[in-house]
C-alpha cells in the first residue's frame, strides 16, 4: 500500500516507531509510545525532568523523519507511574507546545517497559 509508511523501531523489529497514513486531505501520523530512558537501558538512569524532555525529543525526531513537526501534533496520551511530579511534566510539555497545545490525556499506570517513569504516544496531522 503506497498510502501507508511504516517507520521501523530502532529498538525492536517487531514494532513500528511511527506510521504515516496519506489521504487526500493530508497525512495522519501515529507515533508509538516513546520513553526517555537511556537506550540501551543499562546505560544508567536519568532524573524525571530529563526523562520527560528526552521523551518529547524522541517524538519530535520521529515526526521529523515523516515530514512533520510538533506543531502538527493534535493529540497526546501520557502514561505516568507517579502523578506526583505532574507539574514538572506539564512545564516541559509547555516548552514543546508553547501555543495551540494538542488535546491530551494523562493517566497513572502500575509500570512501564524499561522501568520508565513516563511514556507518551502522539497523533499528528500534516495537511496536504
PDB file of N, CA and C in Angstrom:
ATOM      1  N   UNK A   1       0.845  -1.185   0.000  1.00  0.00           N
ATOM      2  CA  UNK A   1       0.000   0.000   0.000  1.00  0.00           C
ATOM      3  C   UNK A   1       0.882   1.236   0.000  1.00  0.00           C
ATOM      4  N   UNK A   2       0.743   2.049  -1.015  1.00  0.00           N
ATOM      5  CA  UNK A   2       1.591   3.223  -1.114  1.00  0.00           C
ATOM      6  C   UNK A   2       1.100   4.385  -0.256  1.00  0.00           C
ATOM      7  N   UNK A   3      -0.064   4.282   0.352  1.00  0.00           N
ATOM      8  CA  UNK A   3      -0.554   5.356   1.211  1.00  0.00           C
ATOM      9  C   UNK A   3      -0.175   5.137   2.675  1.00  0.00           C
ATOM     10  N   UNK A   4       0.510   4.037   2.990  1.00  0.00           N
ATOM     11  CA  UNK A   4       0.992   3.751   4.343  1.00  0.00           C
ATOM     12  C   UNK A   4       2.513   3.752   4.358  1.00  0.00           C
ATOM     13  N   UNK A   5       3.083   4.421   5.351  1.00  0.00           N
ATOM     14  CA  UNK A   5       4.532   4.393   5.507  1.00  0.00           C
ATOM     15  C   UNK A   5       4.851   4.029   6.956  1.00  0.00           C
ATOM     16  N   UNK A   6       5.507   2.892   7.135  1.00  0.00           N
ATOM     17  CA  UNK A   6       5.933   2.458   8.461  1.00  0.00           C
ATOM     18  C   UNK A   6       7.337   2.962   8.723  1.00  0.00           C
ATOM     19  N   UNK A   7       7.566   3.475   9.918  1.00  0.00           N
ATOM     20  CA  UNK A   7       8.898   3.856  10.369  1.00  0.00           C
ATOM     21  C   UNK A   7       9.308   2.785  11.376  1.00  0.00           C
ATOM     22  N   UNK A   8      10.208   1.870  10.992  1.00  0.00           N
ATOM     23  CA  UNK A   8      10.549   0.765  11.884  1.00  0.00           C
ATOM     24  C   UNK A   8      11.236   1.248  13.162  1.00  0.00           C
ATOM     25  N   UNK A   9      11.001   0.530  14.228  1.00  0.00           N
ATOM     26  CA  UNK A   9      11.623   0.853  15.506  1.00  0.00           C
ATOM     27  C   UNK A   9      13.095   0.481  15.471  1.00  0.00           C
ATOM     28  N   UNK A  10      13.961   1.370  15.961  1.00  0.00           N
ATOM     29  CA  UNK A  10      15.383   1.032  16.020  1.00  0.00           C
ATOM     30  C   UNK A  10      15.693   0.065  17.163  1.00  0.00           C
ATOM     31  N   UNK A  11      14.720  -0.146  18.043  1.00  0.00           N
ATOM     32  CA  UNK A  11      14.926  -0.986  19.220  1.00  0.00           C
ATOM     33  C   UNK A  11      14.497  -2.425  18.975  1.00  0.00           C
ATOM     34  N   UNK A  12      13.327  -2.600  18.357  1.00  0.00           N
ATOM     35  CA  UNK A  12      12.794  -3.945  18.150  1.00  0.00           C
ATOM     36  C   UNK A  12      12.139  -4.033  16.780  1.00  0.00           C
ATOM     37  N   UNK A  13      12.545  -5.008  15.953  1.00  0.00           N
ATOM     38  CA  UNK A  13      11.998  -5.115  14.601  1.00  0.00           C
ATOM     39  C   UNK A  13      10.509  -5.485  14.560  1.00  0.00           C
ATOM     40  N   UNK A  14       9.954  -5.901  15.684  1.00  0.00           N
ATOM     41  CA  UNK A  14       8.541  -6.274  15.716  1.00  0.00           C
ATOM     42  C   UNK A  14       7.626  -5.091  16.014  1.00  0.00           C
ATOM     43  N   UNK A  15       8.188  -3.885  16.151  1.00  0.00           N
ATOM     44  CA  UNK A  15       7.406  -2.685  16.439  1.00  0.00           C
ATOM     45  C   UNK A  15       7.652  -1.629  15.381  1.00  0.00           C
ATOM     46  N   UNK A  16       6.689  -0.731  15.226  1.00  0.00           N
ATOM     47  CA  UNK A  16       6.862   0.447  14.382  1.00  0.00           C
ATOM     48  C   UNK A  16       7.045   1.644  15.295  1.00  0.00           C
ATOM     49  N   UNK A  17       8.035   2.462  14.995  1.00  0.00           N
ATOM     50  CA  UNK A  17       8.230   3.705  15.744  1.00  0.00           C
ATOM     51  C   UNK A  17       7.080   4.663  15.435  1.00  0.00           C
ATOM     52  N   UNK A  18       6.640   4.633  14.181  1.00  0.00           N
ATOM     53  CA  UNK A  18       5.560   5.512  13.749  1.00  0.00           C
ATOM     54  C   UNK A  18       4.951   4.970  12.468  1.00  0.00           C
ATOM     55  N   UNK A  19       3.778   5.484  12.151  1.00  0.00           N
ATOM     56  CA  UNK A  19       3.065   5.107  10.934  1.00  0.00           C
ATOM     57  C   UNK A  19       2.441   6.368  10.361  1.00  0.00           C
ATOM     58  N   UNK A  20       2.652   6.594   9.061  1.00  0.00           N
ATOM     59  CA  UNK A  20       2.016   7.723   8.383  1.00  0.00           C
ATOM     60  C   UNK A  20       1.006   7.171   7.390  1.00  0.00           C
ATOM     61  N   UNK A  21      -0.201   7.708   7.446  1.00  0.00           N
ATOM     62  CA  UNK A  21      -1.267   7.327   6.527  1.00  0.00           C
ATOM     63  C   UNK A  21      -1.598   8.548   5.683  1.00  0.00           C
ATOM     64  N   UNK A  22      -1.340   8.456   4.383  1.00  0.00           N
ATOM     65  CA  UNK A  22      -1.588   9.571   3.477  1.00  0.00           C
ATOM     66  C   UNK A  22      -3.011   9.506   2.935  1.00  0.00           C
ATOM     67  N   UNK A  23      -3.711  10.648   2.996  1.00  0.00           N
ATOM     68  CA  UNK A  23      -5.061  10.767   2.454  1.00  0.00           C
ATOM     69  C   UNK A  23      -5.100  11.993   1.548  1.00  0.00           C
ATOM     70  N   UNK A  24      -6.218  12.215   0.882  1.00  0.00           N
ATOM     71  CA  UNK A  24      -6.341  13.399   0.033  1.00  0.00           C
ATOM     72  C   UNK A  24      -6.246  14.685   0.840  1.00  0.00           C
ATOM     73  N   UNK A  25      -6.745  14.665   2.069  1.00  0.00           N
ATOM     74  CA  UNK A  25      -6.740  15.866   2.908  1.00  0.00           C
ATOM     75  C   UNK A  25      -5.372  16.122   3.539  1.00  0.00           C
ATOM     76  N   UNK A  26      -4.574  15.083   3.670  1.00  0.00           N
ATOM     77  CA  UNK A  26      -3.266  15.213   4.311  1.00  0.00           C
ATOM     78  C   UNK A  26      -2.832  13.883   4.895  1.00  0.00           C
ATOM     79  N   UNK A  27      -1.853  13.938   5.759  1.00  0.00           N
ATOM     80  CA  UNK A  27      -1.295  12.712   6.335  1.00  0.00           C
ATOM     81  C   UNK A  27      -1.533  12.661   7.837  1.00  0.00           C
ATOM     82  N   UNK A  28      -2.019  11.514   8.290  1.00  0.00           N
ATOM     83  CA  UNK A  28      -2.145  11.234   9.716  1.00  0.00           C
ATOM     84  C   UNK A  28      -0.886  10.504  10.130  1.00  0.00           C
ATOM     85  N   UNK A  29      -0.294  10.924  11.232  1.00  0.00           N
ATOM     86  CA  UNK A  29       0.912  10.287  11.732  1.00  0.00           C
ATOM     87  C   UNK A  29       0.656   9.815  13.160  1.00  0.00           C
ATOM     88  N   UNK A  30       0.917   8.547  13.401  1.00  0.00           N
ATOM     89  CA  UNK A  30       0.735   7.937  14.712  1.00  0.00           C
ATOM     90  C   UNK A  30       2.111   7.558  15.248  1.00  0.00           C
ATOM     91  N   UNK A  31       2.505   8.179  16.360  1.00  0.00           N
ATOM     92  CA  UNK A  31       3.802   7.910  16.981  1.00  0.00           C
ATOM     93  C   UNK A  31       3.579   6.929  18.126  1.00  0.00           C
ATOM     94  N   UNK A  32       4.287   5.808  18.085  1.00  0.00           N
ATOM     95  CA  UNK A  32       4.185   4.825  19.164  1.00  0.00           C
ATOM     96  C   UNK A  32       4.667   5.426  20.470  1.00  0.00           C
ATOM     97  N   UNK A  33       4.265   4.805  21.565  1.00  0.00           N
ATOM     98  CA  UNK A  33       4.693   5.261  22.876  1.00  0.00           C
ATOM     99  C   UNK A  33       6.206   5.394  22.948  1.00  0.00           C
ATOM    100  N   UNK A  34       6.656   6.564  23.349  1.00  0.00           N
ATOM    101  CA  UNK A  34       8.086   6.852  23.467  1.00  0.00           C
ATOM    102  C   UNK A  34       8.430   7.016  24.944  1.00  0.00           C
ATOM    103  N   UNK A  35       9.610   6.572  25.309  1.00  0.00           N
ATOM    104  CA  UNK A  35      10.107   6.739  26.674  1.00  0.00           C
ATOM    105  C   UNK A  35      11.415   7.518  26.620  1.00  0.00           C
ATOM    106  N   UNK A  36      11.825   8.035  27.756  1.00  0.00           N
ATOM    107  CA  UNK A  36      13.027   8.851  27.800  1.00  0.00           C
ATOM    108  C   UNK A  36      14.178   8.228  28.560  1.00  0.00           C
ATOM    109  N   UNK A  37      14.102   6.912  28.781  1.00  0.00           N
ATOM    110  CA  UNK A  37      15.209   6.242  29.476  1.00  0.00           C
ATOM    111  C   UNK A  37      16.363   6.046  28.504  1.00  0.00           C
ATOM    112  N   UNK A  38      17.587   5.937  29.029  1.00  0.00           N
ATOM    113  CA  UNK A  38      18.724   5.688  28.145  1.00  0.00           C
ATOM    114  C   UNK A  38      18.550   4.361  27.401  1.00  0.00           C
ATOM    115  N   UNK A  39      18.965   4.346  26.154  1.00  0.00           N
ATOM    116  CA  UNK A  39      18.881   3.123  25.349  1.00  0.00           C
ATOM    117  C   UNK A  39      20.279   2.749  24.879  1.00  0.00           C
ATOM    118  N   UNK A  40      20.761   1.559  25.152  1.00  0.00           N
ATOM    119  CA  UNK A  40      20.085   0.523  25.928  1.00  0.00           C
ATOM    120  C   UNK A  40      19.944   0.947  27.393  1.00  0.00           C
ATOM    121  N   UNK A  41      18.956   0.357  28.087  1.00  0.00           N
ATOM    122  CA  UNK A  41      18.636   0.800  29.445  1.00  0.00           C
ATOM    123  C   UNK A  41      19.745   0.548  30.467  1.00  0.00           C
ATOM    124  N   UNK A  42      20.744  -0.238  30.136  1.00  0.00           N
ATOM    125  CA  UNK A  42      21.822  -0.498  31.086  1.00  0.00           C
ATOM    126  C   UNK A  42      22.822   0.653  31.168  1.00  0.00           C
ATOM    127  N   UNK A  43      22.548   1.751  30.470  1.00  0.00           N
ATOM    128  CA  UNK A  43      23.442   2.913  30.499  1.00  0.00           C
ATOM    129  C   UNK A  43      23.144   3.831  31.684  1.00  0.00           C
ATOM    130  N   UNK A  44      22.394   3.368  32.664  1.00  0.00           N
ATOM    131  CA  UNK A  44      22.107   4.163  33.851  1.00  0.00           C
ATOM    132  C   UNK A  44      20.718   4.763  33.825  1.00  0.00           C
ATOM    133  N   UNK A  45      20.454   5.602  34.817  1.00  0.00           N
ATOM    134  CA  UNK A  45      19.144   6.228  34.921  1.00  0.00           C
ATOM    135  C   UNK A  45      19.289   7.741  34.800  1.00  0.00           C
ATOM    136  N   UNK A  46      18.156   8.389  34.602  1.00  0.00           N
ATOM    137  CA  UNK A  46      18.125   9.848  34.488  1.00  0.00           C
ATOM    138  C   UNK A  46      17.045  10.382  35.415  1.00  0.00           C
ATOM    139  N   UNK A  47      17.127  11.653  35.723  1.00  0.00           N
ATOM    140  CA  UNK A  47      16.109  12.293  36.543  1.00  0.00           C
ATOM    141  C   UNK A  47      14.823  12.413  35.734  1.00  0.00           C
ATOM    142  N   UNK A  48      13.698  12.527  36.442  1.00  0.00           N
ATOM    143  CA  UNK A  48      12.392  12.598  35.796  1.00  0.00           C
ATOM    144  C   UNK A  48      12.344  13.710  34.753  1.00  0.00           C
ATOM    145  N   UNK A  49      12.853  14.887  35.094  1.00  0.00           N
ATOM    146  CA  UNK A  49      12.807  16.016  34.156  1.00  0.00           C
ATOM    147  C   UNK A  49      13.502  15.676  32.845  1.00  0.00           C
ATOM    148  N   UNK A  50      14.659  15.043  32.915  1.00  0.00           N
ATOM    149  CA  UNK A  50      15.380  14.675  31.696  1.00  0.00           C
ATOM    150  C   UNK A  50      14.641  13.580  30.934  1.00  0.00           C
ATOM    151  N   UNK A  51      14.016  12.670  31.662  1.00  0.00           N
ATOM    152  CA  UNK A  51      13.251  11.602  31.003  1.00  0.00           C
ATOM    153  C   UNK A  51      12.090  12.197  30.212  1.00  0.00           C
ATOM    154  N   UNK A  52      11.400  13.174  30.786  1.00  0.00           N
ATOM    155  CA  UNK A  52      10.286  13.833  30.082  1.00  0.00           C
ATOM    156  C   UNK A  52      10.811  14.545  28.834  1.00  0.00           C
ATOM    157  N   UNK A  53      11.882  15.307  29.002  1.00  0.00           N
ATOM    158  CA  UNK A  53      12.447  16.064  27.881  1.00  0.00           C
ATOM    159  C   UNK A  53      12.881  15.129  26.742  1.00  0.00           C
ATOM    160  N   UNK A  54      13.561  14.051  27.088  1.00  0.00           N
ATOM    161  CA  UNK A  54      14.016  13.088  26.081  1.00  0.00           C
ATOM    162  C   UNK A  54      12.835  12.433  25.382  1.00  0.00           C
ATOM    163  N   UNK A  55      11.777  12.150  26.126  1.00  0.00           N
ATOM    164  CA  UNK A  55      10.582  11.550  25.526  1.00  0.00           C
ATOM    165  C   UNK A  55      10.006  12.475  24.452  1.00  0.00           C
ATOM    166  N   UNK A  56       9.848  13.754  24.772  1.00  0.00           N
ATOM    167  CA  UNK A  56       9.331  14.709  23.780  1.00  0.00           C
ATOM    168  C   UNK A  56      10.306  14.870  22.609  1.00  0.00           C
ATOM    169  N   UNK A  57      11.594  14.848  22.874  1.00  0.00           N
ATOM    170  CA  UNK A  57      12.578  14.953  21.794  1.00  0.00           C
ATOM    171  C   UNK A  57      12.476  13.757  20.850  1.00  0.00           C
ATOM    172  N   UNK A  58      12.236  12.580  21.384  1.00  0.00           N
ATOM    173  CA  UNK A  58      12.084  11.393  20.539  1.00  0.00           C
ATOM    174  C   UNK A  58      10.821  11.474  19.695  1.00  0.00           C
ATOM    175  N   UNK A  59       9.755  12.025  20.248  1.00  0.00           N
ATOM    176  CA  UNK A  59       8.532  12.243  19.462  1.00  0.00           C
ATOM    177  C   UNK A  59       8.837  13.226  18.336  1.00  0.00           C
ATOM    178  N   UNK A  60       9.515  14.323  18.664  1.00  0.00           N
ATOM    179  CA  UNK A  60       9.872  15.329  17.652  1.00  0.00           C
ATOM    180  C   UNK A  60      10.732  14.717  16.550  1.00  0.00           C
ATOM    181  N   UNK A  61      11.691  13.869  16.931  1.00  0.00           N
ATOM    182  CA  UNK A  61      12.556  13.223  15.943  1.00  0.00           C
ATOM    183  C   UNK A  61      11.770  12.284  15.030  1.00  0.00           C
ATOM    184  N   UNK A  62      10.842  11.526  15.596  1.00  0.00           N
ATOM    185  CA  UNK A  62      10.007  10.620  14.795  1.00  0.00           C
ATOM    186  C   UNK A  62       9.167  11.413  13.798  1.00  0.00           C
ATOM    187  N   UNK A  63       8.575  12.504  14.254  1.00  0.00           N
ATOM    188  CA  UNK A  63       7.780  13.341  13.363  1.00  0.00           C
ATOM    189  C   UNK A  63       8.629  13.876  12.222  1.00  0.00           C
ATOM    190  N   UNK A  64       9.833  14.322  12.549  1.00  0.00           N
ATOM    191  CA  UNK A  64      10.731  14.874  11.533  1.00  0.00           C
ATOM    192  C   UNK A  64      11.064  13.871  10.447  1.00  0.00           C
ATOM    193  N   UNK A  65      11.205  12.603  10.814  1.00  0.00           N
ATOM    194  CA  UNK A  65      11.504  11.565   9.828  1.00  0.00           C
ATOM    195  C   UNK A  65      10.355  11.365   8.847  1.00  0.00           C
ATOM    196  N   UNK A  66       9.155  11.836   9.225  1.00  0.00           N
ATOM    197  CA  UNK A  66       7.981  11.681   8.368  1.00  0.00           C
ATOM    198  C   UNK A  66       7.482  13.019   7.824  1.00  0.00           C
ATOM    199  N   UNK A  67       8.323  14.060   7.905  1.00  0.00           N
ATOM    200  CA  UNK A  67       7.985  15.343   7.303  1.00  0.00           C
ATOM    201  C   UNK A  67       7.105  16.254   8.130  1.00  0.00           C
ATOM    202  N   UNK A  68       6.992  16.004   9.430  1.00  0.00           N
ATOM    203  CA  UNK A  68       6.140  16.823  10.292  1.00  0.00           C
ATOM    204  C   UNK A  68       6.960  17.365  11.460  1.00  0.00           C
ATOM    205  N   UNK A  69       6.308  18.198  12.279  1.00  0.00           N
ATOM    206  CA  UNK A  69       6.954  18.702  13.485  1.00  0.00           C
ATOM    207  C   UNK A  69       5.932  18.786  14.611  1.00  0.00           C
ATOM    208  N   UNK A  70       6.365  19.302  15.755  1.00  0.00           N
ATOM    209  CA  UNK A  70       5.496  19.326  16.937  1.00  0.00           C
ATOM    210  C   UNK A  70       4.241  20.172  16.724  1.00  0.00           C
ATOM    211  N   UNK A  71       4.287  21.137  15.813  1.00  0.00           N
ATOM    212  CA  UNK A  71       3.099  21.957  15.529  1.00  0.00           C
ATOM    213  C   UNK A  71       1.988  21.145  14.886  1.00  0.00           C
ATOM    214  N   UNK A  72       2.308  19.979  14.351  1.00  0.00           N
ATOM    215  CA  UNK A  72       1.306  19.138  13.701  1.00  0.00           C
ATOM    216  C   UNK A  72       0.629  18.168  14.670  1.00  0.00           C
ATOM    217  N   UNK A  73       1.116  18.086  15.909  1.00  0.00           N
ATOM    218  CA  UNK A  73       0.543  17.151  16.882  1.00  0.00           C
ATOM    219  C   UNK A  73      -0.846  17.629  17.288  1.00  0.00           C
ATOM    220  N   UNK A  74      -1.826  16.724  17.193  1.00  0.00           N
ATOM    221  CA  UNK A  74      -3.199  17.064  17.553  1.00  0.00           C
ATOM    222  C   UNK A  74      -3.648  16.382  18.838  1.00  0.00           C
ATOM    223  N   UNK A  75      -2.921  15.340  19.267  1.00  0.00           N
ATOM    224  CA  UNK A  75      -3.329  14.624  20.475  1.00  0.00           C
ATOM    225  C   UNK A  75      -2.141  13.865  21.067  1.00  0.00           C
ATOM    226  N   UNK A  76      -2.088  13.826  22.399  1.00  0.00           N
ATOM    227  CA  UNK A  76      -1.092  13.006  23.084  1.00  0.00           C
ATOM    228  C   UNK A  76      -1.772  12.213  24.188  1.00  0.00           C
ATOM    229  N   UNK A  77      -1.180  11.075  24.487  1.00  0.00           N
ATOM    230  CA  UNK A  77      -1.595  10.278  25.649  1.00  0.00           C
ATOM    231  C   UNK A  77      -0.335  10.033  26.460  1.00  0.00           C
ATOM    232  N   UNK A  78      -0.410  10.362  27.745  1.00  0.00           N
ATOM    233  CA  UNK A  78       0.747  10.250  28.627  1.00  0.00           C
ATOM    234  C   UNK A  78       0.445   9.249  29.727  1.00  0.00           C
ATOM    235  N   UNK A  79       1.393   8.361  29.953  1.00  0.00           N
ATOM    236  CA  UNK A  79       1.284   7.341  30.984  1.00  0.00           C
ATOM    237  C   UNK A  79       2.393   7.602  31.993  1.00  0.00           C
ATOM    238  N   UNK A  80       2.026   7.811  33.246  1.00  0.00           N
ATOM    239  CA  UNK A  80       2.975   8.122  34.309  1.00  0.00           C
ATOM    240  C   UNK A  80       2.882   7.062  35.400  1.00  0.00           C
ATOM    241  N   UNK A  81       4.028   6.656  35.938  1.00  0.00           N
ATOM    242  CA  UNK A  81       3.995   5.696  37.043  1.00  0.00           C
ATOM    243  C   UNK A  81       3.712   6.393  38.367  1.00  0.00           C
ATOM    244  N   UNK A  82       3.792   7.731  38.381  1.00  0.00           N
ATOM    245  CA  UNK A  82       3.517   8.517  39.583  1.00  0.00           C
ATOM    246  C   UNK A  82       3.018   9.885  39.142  1.00  0.00           C
ATOM    247  N   UNK A  83       1.861  10.297  39.630  1.00  0.00           N
ATOM    248  CA  UNK A  83       1.323  11.610  39.269  1.00  0.00           C
ATOM    249  C   UNK A  83       1.943  12.735  40.097  1.00  0.00           C
ATOM    250  N   UNK A  84       2.745  12.400  41.090  1.00  0.00           N
ATOM    251  CA  UNK A  84       3.370  13.398  41.948  1.00  0.00           C
ATOM    252  C   UNK A  84       4.128  14.474  41.187  1.00  0.00           C
ATOM    253  N   UNK A  85       4.995  14.108  40.233  1.00  0.00           N
ATOM    254  CA  UNK A  85       5.737  15.146  39.502  1.00  0.00           C
ATOM    255  C   UNK A  85       5.003  15.657  38.255  1.00  0.00           C
ATOM    256  N   UNK A  86       3.673  15.612  38.259  1.00  0.00           N
ATOM    257  CA  UNK A  86       2.910  16.050  37.092  1.00  0.00           C
ATOM    258  C   UNK A  86       3.230  17.499  36.718  1.00  0.00           C
ATOM    259  N   UNK A  87       3.459  18.355  37.697  1.00  0.00           N
ATOM    260  CA  UNK A  87       3.761  19.767  37.409  1.00  0.00           C
ATOM    261  C   UNK A  87       5.043  19.893  36.595  1.00  0.00           C
ATOM    262  N   UNK A  88       6.029  19.058  36.862  1.00  0.00           N
ATOM    263  CA  UNK A  88       7.282  19.067  36.092  1.00  0.00           C
ATOM    264  C   UNK A  88       6.982  18.675  34.643  1.00  0.00           C
ATOM    265  N   UNK A  89       6.210  17.597  34.472  1.00  0.00           N
ATOM    266  CA  UNK A  89       5.802  17.163  33.134  1.00  0.00           C
ATOM    267  C   UNK A  89       5.079  18.293  32.405  1.00  0.00           C
ATOM    268  N   UNK A  90       4.122  18.924  33.089  1.00  0.00           N
ATOM    269  CA  UNK A  90       3.312  19.972  32.476  1.00  0.00           C
ATOM    270  C   UNK A  90       4.167  21.156  32.029  1.00  0.00           C
ATOM    271  N   UNK A  91       5.140  21.550  32.840  1.00  0.00           N
ATOM    272  CA  UNK A  91       6.027  22.666  32.498  1.00  0.00           C
ATOM    273  C   UNK A  91       6.826  22.350  31.238  1.00  0.00           C
ATOM    274  N   UNK A  92       7.375  21.147  31.150  1.00  0.00           N
ATOM    275  CA  UNK A  92       8.175  20.765  29.979  1.00  0.00           C
ATOM    276  C   UNK A  92       7.278  20.619  28.753  1.00  0.00           C
ATOM    277  N   UNK A  93       6.089  20.094  28.944  1.00  0.00           N
ATOM    278  CA  UNK A  93       5.135  19.970  27.834  1.00  0.00           C
ATOM    279  C   UNK A  93       4.874  21.335  27.210  1.00  0.00           C
ATOM    280  N   UNK A  94       4.737  22.360  28.065  1.00  0.00           N
ATOM    281  CA  UNK A  94       4.505  23.730  27.557  1.00  0.00           C
ATOM    282  C   UNK A  94       5.678  24.222  26.706  1.00  0.00           C
ATOM    283  N   UNK A  95       6.889  23.786  27.014  1.00  0.00           N
ATOM    284  CA  UNK A  95       8.054  24.173  26.210  1.00  0.00           C
ATOM    285  C   UNK A  95       7.956  23.610  24.789  1.00  0.00           C
ATOM    286  N   UNK A  96       7.430  22.401  24.666  1.00  0.00           N
ATOM    287  CA  UNK A  96       7.320  21.762  23.359  1.00  0.00           C
ATOM    288  C   UNK A  96       6.055  22.170  22.613  1.00  0.00           C
ATOM    289  N   UNK A  97       5.043  22.644  23.345  1.00  0.00           N
ATOM    290  CA  UNK A  97       3.785  23.113  22.744  1.00  0.00           C
ATOM    291  C   UNK A  97       3.461  24.496  23.325  1.00  0.00           C
ATOM    292  N   UNK A  98       4.229  25.535  22.952  1.00  0.00           N
ATOM    293  CA  UNK A  98       4.038  26.849  23.570  1.00  0.00           C
ATOM    294  C   UNK A  98       2.717  27.525  23.210  1.00  0.00           C
ATOM    295  N   UNK A  99       2.144  27.185  22.059  1.00  0.00           N
ATOM    296  CA  UNK A  99       0.835  27.743  21.695  1.00  0.00           C
ATOM    297  C   UNK A  99       0.043  26.665  20.975  1.00  0.00           C
ATOM    298  N   UNK A 100      -1.259  26.779  21.036  1.00  0.00           N
ATOM    299  CA  UNK A 100      -2.165  25.805  20.428  1.00  0.00           C
ATOM    300  C   UNK A 100      -1.792  24.372  20.811  1.00  0.00           C
ATOM    301  N   UNK A 101      -1.775  24.060  22.111  1.00  0.00           N
ATOM    302  CA  UNK A 101      -1.406  22.711  22.529  1.00  0.00           C
ATOM    303  C   UNK A 101      -2.413  21.677  22.033  1.00  0.00           C
ATOM    304  N   UNK A 102      -1.935  20.454  21.832  1.00  0.00           N
ATOM    305  CA  UNK A 102      -2.839  19.392  21.392  1.00  0.00           C
ATOM    306  C   UNK A 102      -3.756  18.944  22.523  1.00  0.00           C
ATOM    307  N   UNK A 103      -4.796  18.212  22.165  1.00  0.00           N
ATOM    308  CA  UNK A 103      -5.596  17.576  23.204  1.00  0.00           C
ATOM    309  C   UNK A 103      -4.696  16.563  23.904  1.00  0.00           C
ATOM    310  N   UNK A 104      -5.025  16.269  25.152  1.00  0.00           N
ATOM    311  CA  UNK A 104      -4.149  15.344  25.864  1.00  0.00           C
ATOM    312  C   UNK A 104      -4.891  14.592  26.953  1.00  0.00           C
ATOM    313  N   UNK A 105      -4.328  13.440  27.265  1.00  0.00           N
ATOM    314  CA  UNK A 105      -4.800  12.601  28.349  1.00  0.00           C
ATOM    315  C   UNK A 105      -3.584  12.181  29.146  1.00  0.00           C
ATOM    316  N   UNK A 106      -3.703  12.147  30.460  1.00  0.00           N
ATOM    317  CA  UNK A 106      -2.620  11.652  31.307  1.00  0.00           C
ATOM    318  C   UNK A 106      -3.227  10.701  32.336  1.00  0.00           C
ATOM    319  N   UNK A 107      -2.620   9.541  32.468  1.00  0.00           N
ATOM    320  CA  UNK A 107      -3.108   8.559  33.432  1.00  0.00           C
ATOM    321  C   UNK A 107      -1.930   7.962  34.199  1.00  0.00           C
ATOM    322  N   UNK A 108      -2.220   7.530  35.411  1.00  0.00           N
ATOM    323  CA  UNK A 108      -1.218   6.833  36.206  1.00  0.00           C
ATOM    324  C   UNK A 108      -1.345   5.342  35.945  1.00  0.00           C
ATOM    325  N   UNK A 109      -0.196   4.680  35.766  1.00  0.00           N
ATOM    326  CA  UNK A 109      -0.161   3.249  35.499  1.00  0.00           C
ATOM    327  C   UNK A 109       0.752   2.560  36.507  1.00  0.00           C
ATOM    328  N   UNK A 110       0.609   1.259  36.623  1.00  0.00           N
ATOM    329  CA  UNK A 110       1.400   0.493  37.593  1.00  0.00           C
ATOM    330  C   UNK A 110       2.866   0.382  37.192  1.00  0.00           C
ATOM    331  N   UNK A 111       3.145   0.350  35.904  1.00  0.00           N
ATOM    332  CA  UNK A 111       4.525   0.216  35.467  1.00  0.00           C
ATOM    333  C   UNK A 111       4.636   0.368  33.967  1.00  0.00           C
ATOM    334  N   UNK A 112       5.870   0.646  33.499  1.00  0.00           N
ATOM    335  CA  UNK A 112       6.145   0.814  32.076  1.00  0.00           C
ATOM    336  C   UNK A 112       7.365  -0.007  31.693  1.00  0.00           C
ATOM    337  N   UNK A 113       7.476  -0.334  30.420  1.00  0.00           N
ATOM    338  CA  UNK A 113       8.640  -1.058  29.931  1.00  0.00           C
ATOM    339  C   UNK A 113       9.920  -0.285  30.231  1.00  0.00           C
ATOM    340  N   UNK A 114      11.005  -1.000  30.384  1.00  0.00           N
ATOM    341  CA  UNK A 114      12.333  -0.439  30.617  1.00  0.00           C
ATOM    342  C   UNK A 114      12.414   0.376  31.909  1.00  0.00           C
ATOM    343  N   UNK A 115      11.448   0.154  32.817  1.00  0.00           N
ATOM    344  CA  UNK A 115      11.372   0.896  34.084  1.00  0.00           C
ATOM    345  C   UNK A 115      11.245   2.404  33.883  1.00  0.00           C
ATOM    346  N   UNK A 116      10.664   2.797  32.773  1.00  0.00           N
ATOM    347  CA  UNK A 116      10.434   4.212  32.507  1.00  0.00           C
ATOM    348  C   UNK A 116       9.430   4.760  33.513  1.00  0.00           C
ATOM    349  N   UNK A 117       9.526   6.058  33.768  1.00  0.00           N
ATOM    350  CA  UNK A 117       8.577   6.730  34.644  1.00  0.00           C
ATOM    351  C   UNK A 117       7.464   7.400  33.842  1.00  0.00           C
ATOM    352  N   UNK A 118       7.703   7.563  32.525  1.00  0.00           N
ATOM    353  CA  UNK A 118       6.740   8.224  31.653  1.00  0.00           C
ATOM    354  C   UNK A 118       6.827   7.639  30.251  1.00  0.00           C
ATOM    355  N   UNK A 119       5.676   7.530  29.603  1.00  0.00           N
ATOM    356  CA  UNK A 119       5.603   7.117  28.203  1.00  0.00           C
ATOM    357  C   UNK A 119       4.538   7.985  27.545  1.00  0.00           C
ATOM    358  N   UNK A 120       4.835   8.448  26.333  1.00  0.00           N
ATOM    359  CA  UNK A 120       3.898   9.317  25.623  1.00  0.00           C
ATOM    360  C   UNK A 120       3.746   8.814  24.196  1.00  0.00           C
ATOM    361  N   UNK A 121       2.496   8.728  23.726  1.00  0.00           N
ATOM    362  CA  UNK A 121       2.267   8.494  22.305  1.00  0.00           C
ATOM    363  C   UNK A 121       1.570   9.725  21.743  1.00  0.00           C
ATOM    364  N   UNK A 122       1.648   9.883  20.435  1.00  0.00           N
ATOM    365  CA  UNK A 122       1.134  11.116  19.827  1.00  0.00           C
ATOM    366  C   UNK A 122       0.481  10.809  18.477  1.00  0.00           C
ATOM    367  N   UNK A 123      -0.463  11.670  18.126  1.00  0.00           N
ATOM    368  CA  UNK A 123      -1.108  11.657  16.812  1.00  0.00           C
ATOM    369  C   UNK A 123      -0.899  13.046  16.216  1.00  0.00           C
ATOM    370  N   UNK A 124      -0.489  13.072  14.957  1.00  0.00           N
ATOM    371  CA  UNK A 124      -0.288  14.350  14.269  1.00  0.00           C
ATOM    372  C   UNK A 124      -1.035  14.337  12.941  1.00  0.00           C
ATOM    373  N   UNK A 125      -1.353  15.524  12.453  1.00  0.00           N
ATOM    374  CA  UNK A 125      -1.980  15.659  11.140  1.00  0.00           C
ATOM    375  C   UNK A 125      -1.191  16.676  10.340  1.00  0.00           C
ATOM    376  N   UNK A 126      -0.753  16.264   9.161  1.00  0.00           N
ATOM    377  CA  UNK A 126       0.013  17.107   8.256  1.00  0.00           C
ATOM    378  C   UNK A 126      -0.871  17.404   7.058  1.00  0.00           C
ATOM    379  N   UNK A 127      -1.429  18.636   6.970  1.00  0.00           N
ATOM    380  CA  UNK A 127      -2.329  18.944   5.859  1.00  0.00           C
ATOM    381  C   UNK A 127      -1.648  18.796   4.496  1.00  0.00           C
ATOM    382  N   UNK A 128      -2.465  18.443   3.498  1.00  0.00           N
ATOM    383  CA  UNK A 128      -1.938  18.271   2.113  1.00  0.00           C
ATOM    384  C   UNK A 128      -1.493  19.613   1.561  1.00  0.00           C
TER     385      UNK A 128
END
